[in-house]
Protein backbone atom coordinates (compact mmCIF):
# COMPACT_ATOMS: atom_id res chain seq x y z
CA MET A 1 48.55 35.80 -86.40
CA LYS A 2 48.24 35.52 -82.62
CA LYS A 3 44.55 36.43 -82.65
CA ILE A 4 42.13 33.51 -82.61
CA TYR A 5 39.01 33.41 -84.76
CA PRO A 6 35.78 31.39 -84.54
CA PHE A 7 35.47 28.52 -87.01
CA GLU A 8 32.35 26.79 -88.24
CA ILE A 9 31.29 24.13 -90.72
CA THR A 10 28.62 25.17 -93.19
CA ASP A 11 26.51 23.44 -95.84
CA MET A 12 28.06 24.79 -99.03
CA VAL A 13 28.50 23.00 -102.36
CA GLY A 14 32.11 22.09 -103.13
CA ASP A 15 35.32 22.45 -101.16
CA VAL A 16 35.02 26.05 -100.00
CA PHE A 17 36.92 28.01 -97.35
CA TYR A 18 35.62 31.40 -96.20
CA TYR A 19 37.80 33.97 -94.39
CA PRO A 20 36.49 37.05 -92.50
CA SER A 21 36.00 40.07 -94.73
CA GLU A 22 37.70 42.24 -92.10
CA LEU A 23 41.01 40.60 -93.05
CA GLU A 24 40.83 41.70 -96.69
CA GLY A 25 43.83 43.91 -97.44
CA ILE A 26 45.60 42.71 -94.29
CA VAL A 27 46.30 39.15 -95.38
CA ASN A 28 46.17 38.12 -99.04
CA PHE A 29 44.14 34.93 -98.81
CA THR A 30 43.14 34.90 -102.48
CA ASP A 31 46.60 33.76 -103.60
CA LYS A 32 46.28 30.57 -101.55
CA GLU A 33 45.36 27.28 -103.14
CA SER A 34 44.84 24.88 -100.24
CA VAL A 35 43.87 24.59 -96.58
CA CYS A 36 45.86 22.52 -94.05
CA PHE A 37 44.78 21.03 -90.75
CA GLY A 38 47.59 19.25 -88.99
CA HIS A 39 49.42 17.26 -91.67
CA ARG A 40 46.38 17.02 -93.93
CA SER A 41 46.13 19.36 -96.94
CA HIS A 42 43.27 19.86 -99.43
CA GLN A 43 42.63 22.13 -102.40
CA ALA A 44 39.88 24.67 -101.74
CA ASP A 45 38.02 27.56 -103.29
CA ILE A 46 39.05 30.41 -100.95
CA ARG A 47 36.62 33.34 -100.66
CA SER A 48 35.80 36.30 -98.45
CA ASN A 49 32.95 35.52 -96.06
CA PRO A 50 29.86 37.45 -97.25
CA SER A 51 28.22 37.06 -93.84
CA ILE A 52 28.38 39.89 -91.31
CA ARG A 53 29.74 37.31 -88.85
CA GLN A 54 33.51 37.63 -88.80
CA THR A 55 34.27 33.93 -88.85
CA PHE A 56 36.25 31.41 -90.82
CA ALA A 57 34.08 28.71 -92.35
CA LEU A 58 34.67 25.38 -94.05
CA SER A 59 32.25 23.62 -96.30
CA ARG A 60 31.24 20.22 -95.01
CA SER A 61 33.11 18.36 -97.75
CA LEU A 62 36.30 20.30 -97.03
CA ALA A 63 35.97 19.62 -93.30
CA GLU A 64 35.55 15.90 -93.99
CA ALA A 65 38.59 15.85 -96.29
CA LEU A 66 40.71 17.51 -93.57
CA TYR A 67 39.26 15.44 -90.68
CA PHE A 68 38.25 18.75 -89.12
CA PRO A 69 36.12 18.09 -86.00
CA GLU A 70 32.39 18.81 -85.90
CA THR A 71 32.55 21.30 -83.02
CA GLU A 72 32.37 25.03 -82.45
CA THR A 73 35.85 26.28 -81.75
CA SER A 74 38.23 29.21 -82.21
CA LEU A 75 41.63 28.71 -83.84
CA HIS A 76 44.79 30.38 -85.03
CA VAL A 77 45.45 30.88 -88.73
CA PHE A 78 48.91 30.62 -90.30
CA PRO A 79 49.13 31.71 -93.96
CA TYR A 80 52.36 30.31 -95.50
CA GLN A 81 53.35 30.09 -99.16
CA ASN A 82 50.33 28.79 -101.10
CA SER A 83 48.49 27.32 -98.11
CA ILE A 84 46.39 28.38 -95.13
CA HIS A 85 47.19 26.38 -91.99
CA ILE A 86 44.48 26.30 -89.32
CA GLY A 87 44.94 25.08 -85.76
CA PRO A 88 47.28 24.09 -84.39
CA LEU A 89 46.34 20.45 -84.03
CA VAL A 90 48.12 19.25 -80.89
CA GLY A 91 48.64 15.56 -80.23
CA ILE A 92 49.21 14.69 -76.56
CA PHE A 93 51.07 11.40 -76.39
CA SER A 94 50.55 9.18 -73.35
CA ALA A 95 50.07 5.57 -72.24
CA GLY A 96 47.97 3.56 -69.83
CA PHE A 97 44.66 3.73 -71.70
CA GLY A 98 41.86 1.61 -70.25
CA PRO A 99 38.71 0.13 -71.80
CA PHE A 100 36.23 2.62 -70.31
CA LEU A 101 35.45 5.86 -72.12
CA THR A 102 34.29 7.51 -68.91
CA LYS A 103 37.87 7.34 -67.58
CA PRO A 104 40.13 6.46 -70.52
CA LEU A 105 43.33 7.16 -68.57
CA GLY A 106 42.24 6.05 -65.12
CA GLU A 107 42.93 8.54 -62.34
CA ARG A 108 44.87 10.77 -64.74
CA SER A 109 41.70 11.35 -66.77
CA SER A 110 40.74 14.32 -64.59
CA PHE A 111 43.96 16.20 -65.35
CA PHE A 112 43.69 15.49 -69.07
CA SER A 113 40.04 16.54 -69.22
CA LYS A 114 41.04 19.92 -67.73
CA LEU A 115 43.90 20.24 -70.21
CA LEU A 116 41.71 19.47 -73.22
CA SER A 117 39.01 21.85 -72.00
CA LEU A 118 41.32 24.80 -72.70
CA ASN A 119 40.94 24.39 -76.47
CA LYS A 120 38.70 27.44 -76.88
CA THR A 121 40.89 29.83 -74.88
CA THR A 122 44.18 28.68 -76.43
CA GLY A 123 43.01 28.39 -80.03
CA CYS A 124 44.20 24.77 -80.32
CA VAL A 125 42.58 21.45 -81.14
CA PRO A 126 44.19 19.10 -78.59
CA PHE A 127 43.62 15.35 -78.41
CA ILE A 128 45.23 12.47 -76.49
CA PHE A 129 46.50 9.29 -78.08
CA GLY A 130 48.72 6.27 -77.51
CA GLU A 131 50.82 4.08 -79.76
CA ASN A 132 47.90 1.75 -80.59
CA HIS A 133 45.73 4.61 -81.89
CA ILE A 134 47.96 5.46 -84.87
CA ASN A 135 47.25 4.39 -88.45
CA TRP A 136 50.63 4.86 -90.12
CA GLU A 137 49.38 3.94 -93.60
CA GLN A 138 46.48 6.40 -93.60
CA GLU A 139 48.43 8.96 -91.52
CA THR A 140 45.55 9.33 -89.10
CA ILE A 141 45.05 8.95 -85.35
CA ARG A 142 41.97 7.95 -83.38
CA GLY A 143 42.36 10.41 -80.54
CA TYR A 144 40.48 11.10 -77.32
CA VAL A 145 38.82 14.49 -76.89
CA TYR A 146 36.85 16.00 -74.03
CA GLN A 147 33.88 18.18 -74.92
CA ASP A 148 30.48 18.93 -73.42
CA ASP A 149 31.67 17.36 -70.16
CA GLN A 150 32.28 13.95 -71.68
CA TRP A 151 34.96 11.93 -73.44
CA ASP A 152 34.73 11.00 -77.08
CA ILE A 153 36.95 9.52 -79.80
CA CYS A 154 37.54 11.32 -83.10
CA GLU A 155 39.71 10.65 -86.13
CA PHE A 156 42.42 13.24 -86.80
CA PRO A 157 45.25 13.74 -89.27
CA PHE A 158 48.79 13.68 -87.90
CA PRO A 159 49.20 16.79 -85.69
CA ASN A 160 51.33 19.92 -86.06
CA VAL A 161 53.16 19.23 -82.79
CA ILE A 162 53.22 16.52 -80.11
CA TYR A 163 53.24 17.15 -76.36
CA ASP A 164 54.85 14.30 -74.43
CA ARG A 165 52.84 13.25 -71.37
CA LEU A 166 54.11 9.70 -70.85
CA PRO A 167 53.47 8.76 -67.21
CA ASN A 168 56.83 7.31 -66.12
CA ARG A 169 60.36 6.30 -67.08
CA LYS A 170 59.49 2.62 -67.41
CA THR A 171 56.94 3.36 -70.14
CA GLU A 172 59.20 5.89 -71.81
CA ASN A 173 61.99 3.32 -72.18
CA LYS A 174 59.81 0.71 -73.90
CA ALA A 175 60.41 0.01 -77.58
CA GLY A 176 56.91 1.08 -78.68
CA PRO A 177 56.92 4.70 -77.41
CA LYS A 178 60.52 5.13 -78.55
CA GLU A 179 59.61 4.07 -82.10
CA VAL A 180 56.54 6.33 -82.18
CA LYS A 181 58.68 9.30 -81.21
CA ARG A 182 61.38 8.43 -83.75
CA LYS A 183 58.92 8.07 -86.64
CA PHE A 184 57.04 11.28 -85.97
CA GLN A 185 60.24 13.28 -85.59
CA THR A 186 62.27 11.68 -88.37
CA ASP A 187 59.72 10.63 -91.00
CA PHE A 188 57.22 13.47 -90.57
CA SER A 189 59.34 16.31 -89.06
CA ILE A 190 56.78 16.87 -86.30
CA PRO A 191 58.15 18.83 -83.30
CA TRP A 192 57.96 16.75 -80.11
CA TYR A 193 58.13 18.81 -76.94
CA ASN A 194 58.94 17.92 -73.36
CA PRO A 195 60.48 14.52 -74.10
CA GLY A 196 62.12 12.42 -71.43
CA PHE A 197 62.37 12.37 -67.67
CA PHE A 198 65.41 14.17 -66.28
CA ASN A 199 68.25 12.19 -64.74
CA LYS A 200 69.58 13.98 -61.63
CA TRP A 201 73.23 13.23 -62.33
CA ASP A 202 72.91 14.01 -66.04
CA VAL A 203 71.35 17.41 -65.28
CA TYR A 204 74.08 18.19 -62.77
CA GLU A 205 76.86 17.23 -65.18
CA ARG A 206 75.40 19.36 -67.95
CA LEU A 207 74.94 22.42 -65.73
CA ILE A 208 78.07 22.37 -63.61
CA ASP A 209 80.18 24.13 -66.26
CA ASP A 210 77.55 26.79 -66.92
CA GLU A 211 78.51 29.83 -64.86
CA ARG A 212 74.87 30.96 -64.76
CA ALA A 213 73.79 27.76 -63.02
CA THR A 214 76.73 26.77 -60.82
CA PRO A 215 75.90 29.14 -57.91
CA TYR A 216 72.64 27.21 -57.41
CA LEU A 217 74.06 23.67 -57.50
CA PRO A 218 74.91 21.75 -54.29
CA VAL A 219 78.11 19.72 -54.56
CA THR A 220 77.13 16.36 -56.03
CA TYR A 221 78.97 13.13 -56.88
CA PRO A 222 77.99 9.70 -58.14
CA PHE A 223 78.02 7.21 -55.26
CA GLN A 224 81.18 5.26 -56.13
CA SER A 225 82.71 4.65 -52.69
CA PHE A 226 82.24 5.26 -48.98
CA SER A 227 85.05 7.83 -49.07
CA ILE A 228 82.91 10.23 -51.10
CA VAL A 229 80.28 10.23 -48.35
CA GLU A 230 83.01 10.72 -45.73
CA THR A 231 84.52 13.65 -47.62
CA LEU A 232 81.23 15.48 -48.03
CA LEU A 233 80.29 14.82 -44.40
CA SER A 234 83.56 16.33 -43.19
CA GLU A 235 82.87 19.48 -45.22
CA HIS A 236 79.12 19.89 -44.69
CA ARG A 237 78.18 17.68 -41.67
CA GLN A 238 75.19 16.30 -43.56
CA VAL A 239 74.70 14.69 -46.98
CA TYR A 240 71.80 13.32 -48.97
CA ILE A 241 71.98 10.06 -50.88
CA LYS A 242 69.40 9.97 -53.69
CA PRO A 243 68.38 7.68 -56.56
CA ILE A 244 69.42 9.12 -59.92
CA HIS A 245 65.97 8.41 -61.36
CA GLY A 246 63.92 8.89 -58.20
CA SER A 247 60.76 10.90 -57.72
CA LEU A 248 58.31 11.78 -54.94
CA GLY A 249 61.15 11.61 -52.41
CA LEU A 250 61.36 7.82 -52.69
CA GLY A 251 64.69 6.25 -51.74
CA ILE A 252 66.24 9.41 -50.26
CA HIS A 253 68.53 9.05 -47.23
CA GLN A 254 69.91 11.83 -45.04
CA VAL A 255 73.24 11.08 -43.36
CA LEU A 256 74.48 13.25 -40.48
CA TYR A 257 77.57 13.22 -38.30
CA ASP A 258 77.46 14.44 -34.69
CA LYS A 259 81.01 15.29 -33.66
CA HIS A 260 80.04 15.62 -29.96
CA ASP A 261 79.09 11.96 -29.55
CA ASP A 262 81.09 10.80 -32.58
CA MET A 263 78.09 9.02 -34.05
CA TYR A 264 76.49 8.78 -37.50
CA TYR A 265 72.76 9.11 -38.04
CA CYS A 266 70.67 8.07 -41.02
CA ARG A 267 67.13 9.28 -41.62
CA TYR A 268 65.01 7.60 -44.30
CA ARG A 269 61.60 6.17 -45.11
CA ASP A 270 61.49 2.37 -45.03
CA HIS A 271 59.67 -0.10 -47.28
CA GLU A 272 56.66 0.06 -44.94
CA ASN A 273 56.47 3.84 -45.52
CA GLU A 274 57.59 4.62 -41.97
CA ASN A 275 60.08 7.36 -41.10
CA ARG A 276 63.27 5.93 -39.55
CA LEU A 277 66.21 7.49 -37.72
CA LYS A 278 69.04 5.06 -36.96
CA ARG A 279 72.36 5.58 -35.19
CA PHE A 280 75.70 3.94 -36.01
CA SER A 281 79.19 4.11 -34.55
CA THR A 282 80.89 4.06 -37.95
CA LEU A 283 79.98 5.28 -41.39
CA GLU A 284 80.94 1.94 -42.90
CA SER A 285 78.57 0.02 -40.64
CA MET A 286 75.76 2.43 -41.49
CA LEU A 287 76.23 2.19 -45.24
CA LYS A 288 76.56 -1.60 -45.15
CA HIS A 289 73.39 -1.91 -43.08
CA VAL A 290 71.17 0.67 -44.79
CA PHE A 291 72.29 0.00 -48.36
CA LYS A 292 72.63 -3.74 -48.11
CA ASN A 293 71.47 -5.44 -51.34
CA LYS A 294 71.08 -2.07 -53.08
CA ARG A 295 72.88 -0.94 -56.22
CA ILE A 296 74.92 2.11 -55.25
CA ASP A 297 75.76 2.88 -58.89
CA HIS A 298 72.19 4.16 -59.25
CA LEU A 299 72.71 6.72 -56.46
CA ILE A 300 74.18 10.19 -56.08
CA VAL A 301 75.65 11.84 -52.98
CA GLN A 302 74.77 15.50 -52.46
CA GLN A 303 75.86 18.23 -50.10
CA GLY A 304 73.35 18.81 -47.31
CA ILE A 305 71.96 22.34 -46.92
CA SER A 306 70.81 23.99 -43.67
CA LEU A 307 67.41 25.14 -44.88
CA ILE A 308 65.18 27.78 -43.35
CA ARG A 309 62.52 26.22 -41.13
CA ASN A 310 58.95 26.57 -39.98
CA ASN A 311 58.27 25.26 -36.47
CA ARG A 312 61.65 23.47 -36.68
CA ARG A 313 60.62 21.68 -39.88
CA PRO A 314 62.69 22.25 -43.04
CA ILE A 315 61.15 24.12 -45.97
CA ASP A 316 61.76 23.90 -49.68
CA PHE A 317 59.91 25.46 -52.59
CA ARG A 318 58.27 24.07 -55.71
CA VAL A 319 58.65 26.51 -58.59
CA HIS A 320 57.00 25.81 -61.96
CA THR A 321 58.22 27.41 -65.18
CA ASN A 322 56.60 27.19 -68.63
CA LYS A 323 57.35 28.43 -72.12
CA ASP A 324 54.66 30.87 -73.28
CA LEU A 325 53.00 31.97 -76.52
CA ASP A 326 56.13 33.92 -77.48
CA GLY A 327 58.51 31.08 -76.66
CA ASP A 328 59.78 32.77 -73.47
CA TRP A 329 60.12 31.25 -70.00
CA GLN A 330 57.63 32.32 -67.34
CA VAL A 331 57.40 31.48 -63.65
CA THR A 332 53.88 30.08 -63.38
CA ALA A 333 53.64 28.91 -59.77
CA ILE A 334 55.55 29.08 -56.47
CA ALA A 335 54.62 27.22 -53.30
CA ALA A 336 56.36 26.41 -50.05
CA LYS A 337 56.49 22.81 -48.84
CA ILE A 338 57.08 22.08 -45.15
CA ALA A 339 58.37 18.66 -44.12
CA GLY A 340 56.14 16.38 -42.07
CA GLU A 341 57.00 15.30 -38.52
CA GLY A 342 60.16 13.18 -38.62
CA SER A 343 60.30 13.24 -42.44
CA LEU A 344 63.43 14.18 -44.37
CA THR A 345 61.42 15.31 -47.43
CA THR A 346 58.64 17.83 -47.89
CA HIS A 347 56.44 15.66 -50.13
CA VAL A 348 52.74 15.68 -49.28
CA LYS A 349 52.62 11.87 -49.37
CA ASN A 350 55.22 11.86 -46.60
CA GLY A 351 53.18 14.20 -44.40
CA GLY A 352 54.35 17.48 -45.91
CA THR A 353 52.28 20.66 -45.87
CA ILE A 354 51.77 23.12 -48.74
CA MET A 355 51.66 26.87 -48.03
CA THR A 356 51.66 30.01 -50.13
CA LEU A 357 54.49 32.48 -49.58
CA ASP A 358 51.98 34.86 -47.96
CA GLU A 359 50.91 32.19 -45.48
CA LEU A 360 54.48 31.23 -44.69
CA PHE A 361 56.08 34.66 -44.24
CA GLY A 362 53.17 37.06 -43.71
CA ASP A 363 55.37 40.12 -44.16
CA ASP A 364 54.91 41.67 -47.61
CA ASP A 365 58.54 42.73 -47.99
CA THR A 366 59.80 39.23 -47.18
CA VAL A 367 57.27 37.64 -49.53
CA PHE A 368 58.36 39.97 -52.35
CA GLU A 369 62.07 39.36 -51.73
CA VAL A 370 61.74 35.56 -51.59
CA HIS A 371 59.49 35.53 -54.67
CA GLN A 372 62.09 37.57 -56.57
CA GLN A 373 64.97 35.30 -55.47
CA LEU A 374 63.19 32.09 -56.39
CA SER A 375 61.88 33.47 -59.70
CA LYS A 376 65.29 34.73 -60.76
CA ALA A 377 66.90 31.37 -59.96
CA ALA A 378 64.17 29.38 -61.73
CA LEU A 379 64.35 31.45 -64.92
CA ILE A 380 68.16 31.28 -65.06
CA LEU A 381 68.10 27.52 -64.49
CA SER A 382 65.31 27.02 -67.05
CA GLU A 383 67.35 28.78 -69.73
CA ALA A 384 70.47 26.79 -68.82
CA ILE A 385 68.62 23.46 -68.85
CA GLU A 386 66.95 24.27 -72.17
CA GLU A 387 70.37 25.01 -73.66
CA HIS A 388 72.13 21.90 -72.36
CA ILE A 389 69.40 19.21 -72.38
CA ASP A 390 68.47 17.40 -75.58
CA GLY A 391 65.02 17.92 -77.07
CA ILE A 392 62.47 20.73 -76.82
CA VAL A 393 61.95 21.55 -73.13
CA ALA A 394 58.78 23.55 -72.46
CA GLU A 395 58.01 23.08 -68.74
CA ILE A 396 60.04 22.39 -65.62
CA GLY A 397 59.20 21.86 -61.96
CA PHE A 398 62.04 22.88 -59.63
CA ASP A 399 62.60 21.89 -56.03
CA LEU A 400 64.54 24.85 -54.65
CA GLY A 401 65.86 25.46 -51.16
CA LEU A 402 66.70 28.66 -49.31
CA ASP A 403 69.45 28.41 -46.70
CA LYS A 404 69.82 30.51 -43.55
CA GLN A 405 72.16 32.91 -45.37
CA GLY A 406 69.57 33.57 -48.09
CA GLN A 407 71.25 31.49 -50.82
CA VAL A 408 68.97 29.64 -53.29
CA TRP A 409 69.84 26.00 -54.10
CA MET A 410 68.47 23.67 -56.76
CA PHE A 411 67.81 20.17 -55.42
CA GLU A 412 65.94 18.80 -58.41
CA ALA A 413 64.50 19.70 -61.80
CA ASN A 414 61.56 17.70 -63.18
CA SER A 415 60.54 17.66 -66.84
CA LYS A 416 57.10 16.29 -65.93
CA PRO A 417 56.50 17.89 -62.54
CA GLY A 418 53.95 16.55 -60.10
CA ARG A 419 50.97 18.73 -59.35
CA SER A 420 50.41 18.15 -55.63
CA ILE A 421 50.94 21.83 -54.76
CA PHE A 422 47.79 22.68 -56.72
CA SER A 423 45.64 20.93 -54.16
CA HIS A 424 46.01 24.18 -52.21
CA PRO A 425 42.88 26.30 -52.90
CA LYS A 426 44.88 29.52 -53.30
CA LEU A 427 46.98 27.99 -56.09
CA GLN A 428 44.12 27.01 -58.41
CA ASP A 429 44.64 29.98 -60.75
CA PHE A 430 48.31 29.07 -61.11
CA GLU A 431 47.35 25.47 -61.90
CA LEU A 432 45.20 26.79 -64.74
CA LEU A 433 48.08 28.94 -66.01
CA THR A 434 50.48 25.98 -66.19
CA ARG A 435 47.97 24.03 -68.29
CA LYS A 436 47.20 26.99 -70.54
CA LEU A 437 50.85 27.73 -71.30
CA ALA A 438 51.52 24.08 -72.12
CA LEU A 439 49.11 24.54 -75.06
CA ASP A 440 50.07 28.16 -75.79
CA TYR A 441 53.59 26.97 -76.45
CA ALA A 442 52.22 24.55 -79.05
CA VAL A 443 51.02 27.59 -81.00
CA TYR A 444 54.50 29.14 -80.90
CA LEU A 445 56.14 25.85 -81.87
CA THR A 446 53.74 25.37 -84.79
CA GLU A 447 54.43 28.85 -86.12
CA GLN A 448 58.19 28.36 -85.81
CA SER A 449 58.01 24.99 -87.52
CA LEU A 450 55.99 26.31 -90.45
CA ALA A 451 58.20 29.38 -90.82
CA SER A 452 61.36 27.25 -90.91
CA THR A 453 60.00 25.00 -93.65
CA GLY A 454 57.95 27.53 -95.57
CA GLY A 455 54.82 25.51 -95.02
CA LEU A 456 53.69 21.94 -94.72
CA GLN A 457 56.28 19.46 -95.91
CA LYS A 458 55.26 16.00 -97.06
C-alpha cells in the first residue's frame, strides 16, 4: 500500500486499532490479530473507524505498548499474515553525539533536522541514534527526533530498517559500530542500507570486468613501483596519484611530463593548504621528494584525462543517484564543478566553483546532451556498483569527467557523498529530493523485508 494515511492516538478503552472505513472490502483487516510498529507487536481489537474522518487510530494503551510516538503523522500500512505493520520505523545510525539537545550532532545537526522533517511527506517515522542509545535487553532505542522546530528524545522499539549515516571511516572501523551492525543484521534480521565507505581500488577491481562499466573507468593501478607511474605517463602524459581512502580531494597529486623540456611537474596541495607546482629533472627525484615518509601502498595511480575547461580551468561533474520508492535508481542531482586557480581538484574547499549545467553551457541542446550523457553513465555505474559491492547500496555520489572527445569518465564513487553542491541556490530542490528518496527507499526495503519473511519474525 503505497498510499499514506493519517494516524492519531485516541482515548478508547482497551487495546483498539481503527482502520478507515473506505478500505473495507479492499483490505481484509478483520482477520488480523495484532499491530506491529518496528519490531514491537501487540494484540489488538481491530475495527472499522466509525468516524467520517478517514484515518487510522490507536487507543492510548495500544500506542504505549508499541512505543508509538505522541505526534500527528501519516504512515504506510503493510498487512501481512495475521498482523498489520505500520510505519516504517527508520533508525538512522550515526556517531558523534554531544551533550546539548539544541545541536545533538554538532554541525551535522542541521542536515539531520532537515532529513527528519520529511517524516510527513514520506510516511516514515525516522529517528537518529548511536551505539550508546540501544537497550539490547528491552529491545528499545532512545532516539533523537526533530519536530515543531526542536530536538527531542523518544523511546522506540527496534526499527524496520536502519540507514547508515556514520560520519567517517575511522568511526566505521571501530569495534562498537561494527558490533551494532552485526547484531541488528544477524540477531534481528533488520535490513541495513548504505553501509561502508567505498575504497577506490576495491571499486575499480570489482567493476573492471563488468562490460557495462569498463568504458567509463580510467586505467588504474595500485602504486607498487615507480615504473607504473612511468608507464602511465608515457601513454597519457599525465597521471593522478590518489589515496585509496581519500575524500574532499585531500592527498591527490597530479604528475605531468613535458617532452619539450624533458621535465616532470607535480601539482598538489601541501600540509599548509597551499597549491604547489614543483619541477623535477627525473621522475625518481620527484617521487622521492614528494612522497618521502609516505606509505605508497595506500595510493593508486590513475590515467590522467584531458577534461573540458571553463576559462582554462578543468571541469568535472558531481552526479547523485538514489534508490526510489520502487527500488529503482534515479539521477537526483547534477552539478558542474570548476577548479579553483592553480588547484588540481574542483572541490569548493580548494577554491572550486559550483555551476548548474545551464549556467555552464547556456545552449539548451548542449545542456540536454550533457545531461543525457552523465545520467546514462551514472545509472549504468549505479547498477554495476550495486551488483558488485557488498551490502544494500541506496545512494551514490559520482565524480564524473567529460573529455574533449565527449567521453564520460568515472573518477570516484562515494557511498556517503558530500553535499557541497547544494549550497548553490538553484540546486535546493534537488537537495530535497536526495533526502526524500533516502527515506522513500526505506519504505520499499521494509515492504520487501516483510514480504520475504511473511511478516515480523522474532
